[in-house]
Amino acid sequence: MTLSLAMLRAPAGITPESRRIEADTVTLGRGSDNGWVLADPERILSKRHCLIGRQAGAWQVTDTSRNGTFVNGACLSPGAARALRDGDRIGLGAYEIEIRIEEGAAPASDEATGIGPGFARVTADPFPPAEGDAFGIGLPQDFNQLGQDGVFGDAPLPVADHVPALDAHFDPPRPVSELLPPDWDLGWDAPADDMADDTAGGPPPPAPVPAPEAPADAPGDSAAAAFARVAAAAGIAGEPTLPPAEALSALGRAFRAMVVGLRRAMIARATIKNEFRIEQTMIRASGNNPLKFAAGDDDAVSALLGIGRRGDMSAERAVNEALRDIRRHDLAVSAAMQVAVREMLDSLDPARVLARLPPGGLDRVPGQRHRRAWQAMAARHAELTRALADDFDSVFGRAFVRAYEQVQAGIAAQEHERSQREEQAP
């Protein structure tokens, strides 16, 4: 099995690329000793973030990071391994990498044909033409006109007609049919020819007259009708200021811009959730939103328009769900940021720092206790700075995730209650 890694998402300024893995193992991370070195300007990735290897003929990924490795949105436990399948997506920091596993195809045999196994290639004609007729001695040369010569054989030699010389240039008269027979105007009551064949059929039925085709709409008329349907679906009425065809083209460009923008917002949302190890939407067997799980912008636009394949979700529902998720995410991030910053500032509260100071023998000396408190404050600040670089979750991440999930749950409950009230309203 051949493994390829395709980068679907990368940090800003980094061009996505693909790698074909030839070895049995490969490591990914920001360290220079990895098989695939990933640029990490924000230093979110570990030096050796994850390991992908082949075990017993199957590929699997092992998390070796500090900030987490995700497979299809699910976070792996540190040091845990998970089997990979074709189409799986690995998330690490701002990167999202798609797994592509190709089964090796066995070479075709030179001796086998498409008939089936065990049958040799048919190289000779199973029905060769007869080499000659042993009983055809004495027959004229042109007797067997359907013999061996095919349509691509040599042209036949001229054949003698054996007619007397006096008759050699006699051309028999050719029968000429009259344009109109003498009895062309006789009706059905005219006597029929006694020698006519009683079994002959009547005159052939007249050929059916093709139905006239419906006149095709002019291009301008069809574009105007299409624009009217689009406007009606949008809940508005009126004539466009542009020609209908140009208005439809502008609408198509606006639709693509909306899809691209929504996908960028969804990718940014997924990146933040990845960094804080917040649970994400899993890929399902059906009903997946193409704005979240499409391979690219073109794939998302095609899925929403129903081009090339049947989408799992209507375009209207996909856009509504994407906008809902972005709205909830923005509100949750704002609230969670306030909670996390407040908890971090509380750890720098002077009163709390003073309470943690052990009693000193020189505290009664004027200014001595304040000097010790300032030293403790500086030490606490240095401790927080190191923790933000080495153990982000313990300082900021855990409080952020806890507040984020609480706000998300509260918003979802409020929207559910509101929708129920609207359904019950007369």
Protein backbone atom coordinates (compact mmCIF):
# COMPACT_ATOMS: atom_id res chain seq x y z
CA MET A 1 0.00 0.00 0.00
CA THR A 2 1.32 3.41 -1.01
CA LEU A 3 0.76 6.32 1.39
CA SER A 4 0.42 9.94 0.29
CA LEU A 5 -0.13 12.96 2.53
CA ALA A 6 -2.00 15.95 1.06
CA MET A 7 -2.05 19.24 2.96
CA LEU A 8 -5.59 20.65 2.91
CA ARG A 9 -5.03 23.53 5.33
CA ALA A 10 -1.90 25.39 6.40
CA PRO A 11 -1.00 28.55 8.34
CA ALA A 12 -1.23 31.86 6.52
CA GLY A 13 1.58 32.40 4.05
CA ILE A 14 2.44 28.70 3.69
CA THR A 15 1.63 26.98 0.40
CA PRO A 16 -0.08 23.57 0.83
CA GLU A 17 1.92 20.67 -0.54
CA SER A 18 1.77 16.87 -0.81
CA ARG A 19 4.23 14.12 0.07
CA ARG A 20 4.51 10.51 -1.11
CA ILE A 21 5.83 8.30 1.69
CA GLU A 22 8.31 5.66 0.54
CA ALA A 23 9.61 4.57 3.99
CA ASP A 24 7.72 2.53 6.58
CA THR A 25 7.70 5.40 9.10
CA VAL A 26 7.68 9.19 8.91
CA THR A 27 7.59 11.83 11.64
CA LEU A 28 5.89 15.22 11.38
CA GLY A 29 6.71 18.31 13.42
CA ARG A 30 8.56 21.62 13.52
CA GLY A 31 11.93 20.03 14.33
CA SER A 32 14.52 19.83 11.56
CA ASP A 33 15.06 16.09 12.10
CA ASN A 34 11.52 15.11 11.00
CA GLY A 35 10.67 13.33 7.78
CA TRP A 36 8.29 16.19 7.01
CA VAL A 37 9.28 19.49 8.62
CA LEU A 38 6.22 21.73 9.06
CA ALA A 39 6.74 25.46 9.34
CA ASP A 40 5.28 26.71 12.61
CA PRO A 41 5.69 30.47 13.12
CA GLU A 42 3.32 30.42 16.12
CA ARG A 43 5.20 27.48 17.74
CA ILE A 44 2.01 25.47 18.28
CA LEU A 45 3.46 22.21 17.02
CA SER A 46 5.84 20.06 19.00
CA LYS A 47 9.33 19.37 17.68
CA ARG A 48 8.15 15.85 16.88
CA HIS A 49 4.39 16.13 16.80
CA CYS A 50 3.26 12.73 15.48
CA LEU A 51 4.57 9.57 13.89
CA ILE A 52 2.96 7.74 10.97
CA GLY A 53 4.10 4.16 10.46
CA ARG A 54 3.16 0.88 8.86
CA GLN A 55 2.39 -2.04 11.17
CA ALA A 56 1.37 -5.48 9.86
CA GLY A 57 0.58 -3.99 6.46
CA ALA A 58 -1.66 -1.19 7.84
CA TRP A 59 -0.85 2.49 8.39
CA GLN A 60 -1.38 4.13 11.77
CA VAL A 61 -0.64 7.46 13.46
CA THR A 62 0.78 7.93 16.97
CA ASP A 63 0.48 11.17 18.95
CA THR A 64 3.84 12.33 20.32
CA SER A 65 2.87 15.97 20.86
CA ARG A 66 2.07 18.27 23.73
CA ASN A 67 -0.81 20.12 22.08
CA GLY A 68 -2.61 17.14 20.59
CA THR A 69 -3.06 15.28 17.31
CA PHE A 70 -6.55 14.95 15.86
CA VAL A 71 -7.95 12.32 13.48
CA ASN A 72 -11.23 13.36 11.84
CA GLY A 73 -11.73 15.89 14.62
CA ALA A 74 -11.16 13.42 17.49
CA CYS A 75 -8.17 14.09 19.74
CA LEU A 76 -5.79 11.18 20.29
CA SER A 77 -4.53 10.38 23.76
CA PRO A 78 -0.82 11.15 24.25
CA GLY A 79 1.22 8.22 22.98
CA ALA A 80 -1.87 6.48 21.58
CA ALA A 81 -1.93 5.03 18.06
CA ARG A 82 -4.88 4.88 15.69
CA ALA A 83 -5.29 3.01 12.40
CA LEU A 84 -5.61 5.16 9.30
CA ARG A 85 -7.94 4.71 6.37
CA ASP A 86 -8.06 6.32 2.98
CA GLY A 87 -9.65 9.76 3.29
CA ASP A 88 -8.90 10.28 7.01
CA ARG A 89 -7.80 13.77 8.03
CA ILE A 90 -5.09 14.50 10.59
CA GLY A 91 -5.18 17.82 12.41
CA LEU A 92 -2.06 19.23 14.06
CA GLY A 93 -1.98 22.89 14.99
CA ALA A 94 -3.09 24.98 12.01
CA TYR A 95 -2.45 22.11 9.61
CA GLU A 96 -4.96 19.61 8.25
CA ILE A 97 -3.53 16.72 6.23
CA GLU A 98 -5.55 14.18 4.25
CA ILE A 99 -4.49 10.52 4.13
CA ARG A 100 -4.49 8.85 0.72
CA ILE A 101 -3.79 5.11 0.64
CA GLU A 102 -3.49 3.42 -2.74
CA GLU A 103 -3.67 -0.34 -3.05
CA GLY A 104 -0.97 -1.77 -5.34
CA ALA A 105 -2.38 -3.26 -8.59
CA ALA A 106 -1.02 -6.60 -9.82
CA PRO A 107 0.52 -6.47 -13.31
CA ALA A 108 -1.49 -8.04 -16.06
CA SER A 109 -0.23 -11.39 -17.39
CA ASP A 110 1.05 -11.53 -20.94
CA GLU A 111 -0.54 -14.94 -21.50
CA ALA A 112 -3.98 -14.17 -20.17
CA THR A 113 -6.77 -12.47 -22.02
CA GLY A 114 -10.00 -10.88 -20.93
CA ILE A 115 -11.79 -14.25 -21.33
CA GLY A 116 -10.94 -15.46 -17.88
CA PRO A 117 -8.23 -17.27 -15.89
CA GLY A 118 -6.67 -20.29 -17.48
CA PHE A 119 -7.35 -19.26 -21.09
CA ALA A 120 -4.44 -18.59 -23.39
CA ARG A 121 -4.37 -15.63 -25.73
CA VAL A 122 -6.12 -16.36 -29.02
CA THR A 123 -3.59 -15.49 -31.72
CA ALA A 124 -4.85 -17.47 -34.72
CA ASP A 125 -8.14 -17.21 -36.57
CA PRO A 126 -10.35 -20.05 -35.24
CA PHE A 127 -12.21 -20.16 -38.58
CA PRO A 128 -9.56 -19.88 -41.30
CA PRO A 129 -10.72 -19.70 -44.91
CA ALA A 130 -10.66 -22.87 -46.92
CA GLU A 131 -7.50 -23.32 -48.93
CA GLY A 132 -9.39 -24.58 -51.96
CA ASP A 133 -12.05 -26.96 -53.19
CA ALA A 134 -10.66 -30.36 -54.16
CA PHE A 135 -13.82 -31.04 -56.16
CA GLY A 136 -13.76 -27.74 -58.06
CA ILE A 137 -11.62 -28.98 -60.93
CA GLY A 138 -13.05 -27.88 -64.27
CA LEU A 139 -15.27 -25.13 -62.84
CA PRO A 140 -14.97 -21.68 -64.40
CA GLN A 141 -12.56 -19.32 -62.79
CA ASP A 142 -15.30 -16.91 -61.76
CA PHE A 143 -17.65 -19.56 -60.44
CA ASN A 144 -16.88 -18.97 -56.77
CA GLN A 145 -17.19 -15.19 -56.41
CA LEU A 146 -17.55 -15.57 -52.60
CA GLY A 147 -14.32 -17.45 -52.20
CA GLN A 148 -11.12 -16.45 -50.46
CA ASP A 149 -10.55 -12.98 -51.84
CA GLY A 150 -11.79 -10.36 -49.39
CA VAL A 151 -12.76 -6.83 -49.97
CA PHE A 152 -9.14 -5.82 -49.49
CA GLY A 153 -7.66 -8.37 -51.95
CA ASP A 154 -6.19 -7.62 -55.34
CA ALA A 155 -8.55 -6.45 -58.05
CA PRO A 156 -9.87 -9.41 -60.15
CA LEU A 157 -8.57 -9.94 -63.65
CA PRO A 158 -10.92 -9.25 -66.56
CA VAL A 159 -13.03 -12.25 -67.51
CA ALA A 160 -13.76 -13.23 -71.10
CA ASP A 161 -17.47 -13.22 -72.07
CA HIS A 162 -17.10 -15.79 -74.96
CA VAL A 163 -19.67 -14.05 -77.19
CA PRO A 164 -19.42 -14.02 -81.02
CA ALA A 165 -17.58 -11.10 -82.51
CA LEU A 166 -20.72 -9.90 -84.36
CA ASP A 167 -22.54 -9.51 -81.06
CA ALA A 168 -19.65 -8.00 -79.19
CA HIS A 169 -20.90 -4.40 -79.59
CA PHE A 170 -24.63 -5.02 -79.30
CA ASP A 171 -26.23 -3.04 -76.49
CA PRO A 172 -29.71 -4.25 -75.64
CA PRO A 173 -32.31 -1.50 -75.27
CA ARG A 174 -32.92 -0.29 -71.74
CA PRO A 175 -36.51 -0.19 -70.49
CA VAL A 176 -37.57 3.34 -69.78
CA SER A 177 -40.36 3.92 -67.31
CA GLU A 178 -42.86 6.62 -68.17
CA LEU A 179 -43.13 9.58 -65.91
CA LEU A 180 -46.91 9.04 -65.61
CA PRO A 181 -48.70 5.83 -66.59
CA PRO A 182 -51.70 6.15 -68.94
CA ASP A 183 -54.19 5.22 -66.21
CA TRP A 184 -52.76 7.49 -63.51
CA ASP A 185 -56.06 9.34 -63.16
CA LEU A 186 -58.33 6.31 -62.88
CA GLY A 187 -60.29 6.04 -59.66
CA TRP A 188 -60.88 3.04 -57.45
CA ASP A 189 -63.84 2.03 -59.58
CA ALA A 190 -61.66 1.28 -62.61
CA PRO A 191 -61.45 -2.46 -63.52
CA ALA A 192 -58.42 -4.12 -62.08
CA ASP A 193 -55.96 -6.02 -64.21
CA ASP A 194 -57.03 -9.65 -64.43
CA MET A 195 -53.44 -10.76 -64.29
CA ALA A 196 -52.69 -8.75 -61.11
CA ASP A 197 -51.38 -10.64 -58.16
CA ASP A 198 -54.21 -11.15 -55.71
CA THR A 199 -51.76 -11.42 -52.83
CA ALA A 200 -50.10 -8.04 -53.49
CA GLY A 201 -50.67 -5.47 -50.80
CA GLY A 202 -52.19 -2.05 -51.19
CA PRO A 203 -50.28 1.13 -51.64
CA PRO A 204 -47.76 1.88 -48.87
CA PRO A 205 -49.09 4.04 -46.06
CA PRO A 206 -48.12 7.68 -46.22
CA ALA A 207 -45.14 8.69 -44.13
CA PRO A 208 -46.13 10.37 -40.86
CA VAL A 209 -45.79 14.09 -40.89
CA PRO A 210 -43.42 15.18 -38.10
CA ALA A 211 -44.98 17.41 -35.49
CA PRO A 212 -43.75 20.98 -35.61
CA GLU A 213 -41.15 21.72 -32.94
CA ALA A 214 -42.06 24.18 -30.27
CA PRO A 215 -40.28 27.47 -30.80
CA ALA A 216 -37.26 27.75 -28.53
CA ASP A 217 -37.06 30.61 -26.14
CA ALA A 218 -34.70 33.33 -27.10
CA PRO A 219 -31.59 33.51 -24.88
CA GLY A 220 -32.73 36.75 -23.36
CA ASP A 221 -36.16 35.33 -22.54
CA SER A 222 -34.73 32.21 -20.83
CA ALA A 223 -32.25 34.28 -18.81
CA ALA A 224 -35.05 36.64 -17.74
CA ALA A 225 -37.20 33.70 -16.65
CA ALA A 226 -34.28 32.16 -14.74
CA PHE A 227 -33.53 35.45 -12.97
CA ALA A 228 -37.20 35.85 -12.08
CA ARG A 229 -37.19 32.39 -10.45
CA VAL A 230 -34.02 33.19 -8.51
CA ALA A 231 -35.45 36.51 -7.32
CA ALA A 232 -38.71 34.85 -6.29
CA ALA A 233 -36.78 32.22 -4.30
CA ALA A 234 -34.93 35.07 -2.55
CA GLY A 235 -38.26 36.65 -1.65
CA ILE A 236 -37.99 39.75 -3.84
CA ALA A 237 -39.54 40.93 -7.10
CA GLY A 238 -38.56 43.40 -9.76
CA GLU A 239 -36.42 43.81 -12.83
CA PRO A 240 -32.62 43.74 -12.60
CA THR A 241 -30.68 46.86 -13.53
CA LEU A 242 -28.29 44.68 -15.58
CA PRO A 243 -29.32 42.43 -18.46
CA PRO A 244 -30.66 39.16 -17.00
CA ALA A 245 -27.72 37.10 -18.29
CA GLU A 246 -25.17 39.48 -16.73
CA ALA A 247 -27.16 39.60 -13.49
CA LEU A 248 -27.09 35.78 -13.28
CA SER A 249 -23.33 35.76 -13.90
CA ALA A 250 -22.83 38.32 -11.13
CA LEU A 251 -24.99 36.22 -8.84
CA GLY A 252 -22.83 33.17 -9.58
CA ARG A 253 -19.66 35.08 -8.71
CA ALA A 254 -21.24 36.34 -5.50
CA PHE A 255 -22.27 32.78 -4.59
CA ARG A 256 -18.72 31.53 -5.04
CA ALA A 257 -17.32 34.42 -2.99
CA MET A 258 -19.77 33.57 -0.20
CA VAL A 259 -18.77 29.88 -0.25
CA VAL A 260 -15.05 30.72 -0.19
CA GLY A 261 -15.54 33.19 2.67
CA LEU A 262 -17.63 30.77 4.72
CA ARG A 263 -15.03 28.03 4.24
CA ARG A 264 -12.26 30.37 5.40
CA ALA A 265 -14.28 31.24 8.50
CA MET A 266 -14.98 27.55 9.19
CA ILE A 267 -11.28 26.70 8.78
CA ALA A 268 -10.30 29.47 11.23
CA ARG A 269 -12.89 28.18 13.68
CA ALA A 270 -11.55 24.63 13.38
CA THR A 271 -7.98 25.88 13.91
CA ILE A 272 -8.89 27.55 17.20
CA LYS A 273 -10.75 24.46 18.38
CA ASN A 274 -7.74 22.35 17.42
CA GLU A 275 -5.35 24.50 19.43
CA PHE A 276 -7.50 24.29 22.56
CA ARG A 277 -8.47 20.62 22.02
CA ILE A 278 -12.15 21.45 21.85
CA GLU A 279 -14.38 18.70 20.52
CA GLN A 280 -15.17 19.08 16.82
CA THR A 281 -17.79 17.77 14.42
CA MET A 282 -17.00 14.25 13.22
CA ILE A 283 -17.32 13.10 9.63
CA ARG A 284 -20.44 10.95 9.27
CA ALA A 285 -21.53 8.40 6.71
CA SER A 286 -24.04 10.92 5.34
CA GLY A 287 -25.38 14.38 6.04
CA ASN A 288 -21.96 16.09 6.05
CA ASN A 289 -21.84 19.82 5.46
CA PRO A 290 -19.71 20.48 2.34
CA LEU A 291 -18.66 23.84 3.76
CA LYS A 292 -16.89 21.94 6.55
CA PHE A 293 -15.65 18.77 4.89
CA ALA A 294 -15.17 19.60 1.20
CA ALA A 295 -11.70 18.99 -0.21
CA GLY A 296 -11.51 22.51 -1.65
CA ASP A 297 -13.46 25.55 -2.79
CA ASP A 298 -14.38 24.01 -6.15
CA ASP A 299 -15.61 20.84 -4.45
CA ALA A 300 -17.77 22.84 -2.04
CA VAL A 301 -19.31 24.96 -4.82
CA SER A 302 -20.02 21.86 -6.91
CA ALA A 303 -21.61 20.06 -3.96
CA LEU A 304 -23.89 22.99 -3.12
CA LEU A 305 -24.94 23.37 -6.76
CA GLY A 306 -25.39 19.61 -7.22
CA ILE A 307 -22.83 19.43 -10.04
CA GLY A 308 -20.94 16.18 -10.56
CA ARG A 309 -22.28 14.41 -7.51
CA ARG A 310 -25.29 14.38 -5.26
CA GLY A 311 -24.73 16.38 -2.11
CA ASP A 312 -25.52 15.08 1.37
CA MET A 313 -27.13 18.37 2.36
CA SER A 314 -29.08 21.08 0.58
CA ALA A 315 -27.30 24.35 -0.10
CA GLU A 316 -29.77 26.31 2.05
CA ARG A 317 -29.28 24.05 5.07
CA ALA A 318 -25.49 23.99 4.64
CA VAL A 319 -25.24 27.79 4.61
CA ASN A 320 -27.63 28.19 7.57
CA GLU A 321 -25.70 25.66 9.66
CA ALA A 322 -22.36 27.26 8.81
CA LEU A 323 -23.60 30.74 9.77
CA ARG A 324 -25.11 29.36 12.98
CA ASP A 325 -21.84 27.65 13.97
CA ILE A 326 -19.80 30.80 13.24
CA ARG A 327 -22.21 32.95 15.30
CA ARG A 328 -22.04 30.56 18.26
CA HIS A 329 -18.27 30.32 17.98
CA ASP A 330 -17.76 34.10 18.02
CA LEU A 331 -19.95 34.54 21.10
CA ALA A 332 -18.27 31.64 22.90
CA VAL A 333 -14.74 32.87 22.12
CA SER A 334 -15.53 36.35 23.43
CA ALA A 335 -16.97 35.05 26.69
CA ALA A 336 -14.31 32.37 27.18
CA MET A 337 -11.49 34.87 26.60
CA GLN A 338 -12.81 37.10 29.38
CA VAL A 339 -13.02 34.20 31.82
CA ALA A 340 -9.55 32.88 31.00
CA VAL A 341 -7.88 36.31 31.26
CA ARG A 342 -9.65 37.00 34.55
CA GLU A 343 -8.39 33.71 36.03
CA MET A 344 -4.84 34.43 34.88
CA LEU A 345 -4.95 37.93 36.41
CA ASP A 346 -6.31 36.52 39.65
CA SER A 347 -3.13 34.46 39.97
CA LEU A 348 -1.19 37.76 39.97
CA ASP A 349 -3.36 39.37 42.65
CA PRO A 350 -0.99 41.12 45.10
CA ALA A 351 -3.05 40.00 48.08
CA ARG A 352 -2.81 36.40 46.95
CA VAL A 353 0.94 36.76 46.36
CA LEU A 354 1.43 38.22 49.85
CA ALA A 355 -0.64 35.45 51.40
CA ARG A 356 1.66 32.87 49.85
CA LEU A 357 4.80 34.48 51.31
CA PRO A 358 6.27 32.59 54.27
CA PRO A 359 7.01 34.73 57.34
CA GLY A 360 10.49 36.22 57.39
CA GLY A 361 12.61 37.33 60.28
CA LEU A 362 13.26 40.74 58.76
CA ASP A 363 9.63 41.57 57.92
CA ARG A 364 9.58 44.22 60.66
CA VAL A 365 12.32 46.11 58.94
CA PRO A 366 10.70 48.98 57.00
CA GLY A 367 10.26 48.08 53.33
CA GLN A 368 11.57 44.55 53.75
CA ARG A 369 8.19 42.81 53.35
CA HIS A 370 7.30 44.89 50.31
CA ARG A 371 10.64 44.03 48.72
CA ARG A 372 9.97 40.33 49.27
CA ALA A 373 6.45 40.74 47.84
CA TRP A 374 7.86 42.39 44.72
CA GLN A 375 10.36 39.55 44.30
CA ALA A 376 7.53 37.01 44.66
CA MET A 377 5.46 38.90 42.08
CA ALA A 378 8.36 38.88 39.61
CA ALA A 379 8.90 35.16 40.20
CA ARG A 380 5.21 34.47 39.65
CA HIS A 381 5.25 36.45 36.39
CA ALA A 382 8.27 34.50 35.15
CA GLU A 383 6.52 31.27 36.09
CA LEU A 384 3.44 32.24 34.09
CA THR A 385 5.55 33.23 31.09
CA ARG A 386 7.32 29.86 31.06
CA ALA A 387 4.02 28.03 31.50
CA LEU A 388 2.45 29.82 28.54
CA ALA A 389 5.26 28.52 26.34
CA ASP A 390 5.58 25.02 27.81
CA ASP A 391 2.17 24.17 29.27
CA PHE A 392 -0.38 26.53 27.75
CA ASP A 393 -3.36 24.47 28.89
CA SER A 394 -2.55 24.73 32.60
CA VAL A 395 -2.37 28.54 32.50
CA PHE A 396 -4.92 29.61 29.93
CA GLY A 397 -6.29 26.73 27.88
CA ARG A 398 -8.31 24.84 30.48
CA ALA A 399 -10.19 27.90 31.68
CA PHE A 400 -10.83 28.94 28.08
CA VAL A 401 -12.15 25.51 27.04
CA ARG A 402 -14.38 25.24 30.10
CA ALA A 403 -15.95 28.65 29.50
CA TYR A 404 -16.19 28.08 25.72
CA GLU A 405 -18.13 24.84 26.10
CA GLN A 406 -20.44 26.34 28.74
CA VAL A 407 -21.31 29.29 26.51
CA GLN A 408 -21.84 27.04 23.48
CA ALA A 409 -24.22 24.83 25.43
CA GLY A 410 -26.13 27.87 26.73
CA ILE A 411 -26.52 29.39 23.26
CA ALA A 412 -27.70 26.07 21.80
CA ALA A 413 -30.30 25.71 24.56
CA GLN A 414 -31.58 29.26 24.02
CA GLU A 415 -31.90 28.76 20.26
CA HIS A 416 -33.70 25.45 20.78
CA GLU A 417 -36.22 27.06 23.15
CA ARG A 418 -36.77 29.94 20.72
CA SER A 419 -37.43 27.58 17.81
CA GLN A 420 -39.91 25.60 19.90
CA ARG A 421 -41.80 28.77 20.82
CA GLU A 422 -41.95 29.81 17.18
CA GLU A 423 -43.34 26.41 16.18
CA GLN A 424 -46.01 26.53 18.89
CA ALA A 425 -47.04 30.09 18.09
CA PRO A 426 -50.39 30.30 16.20
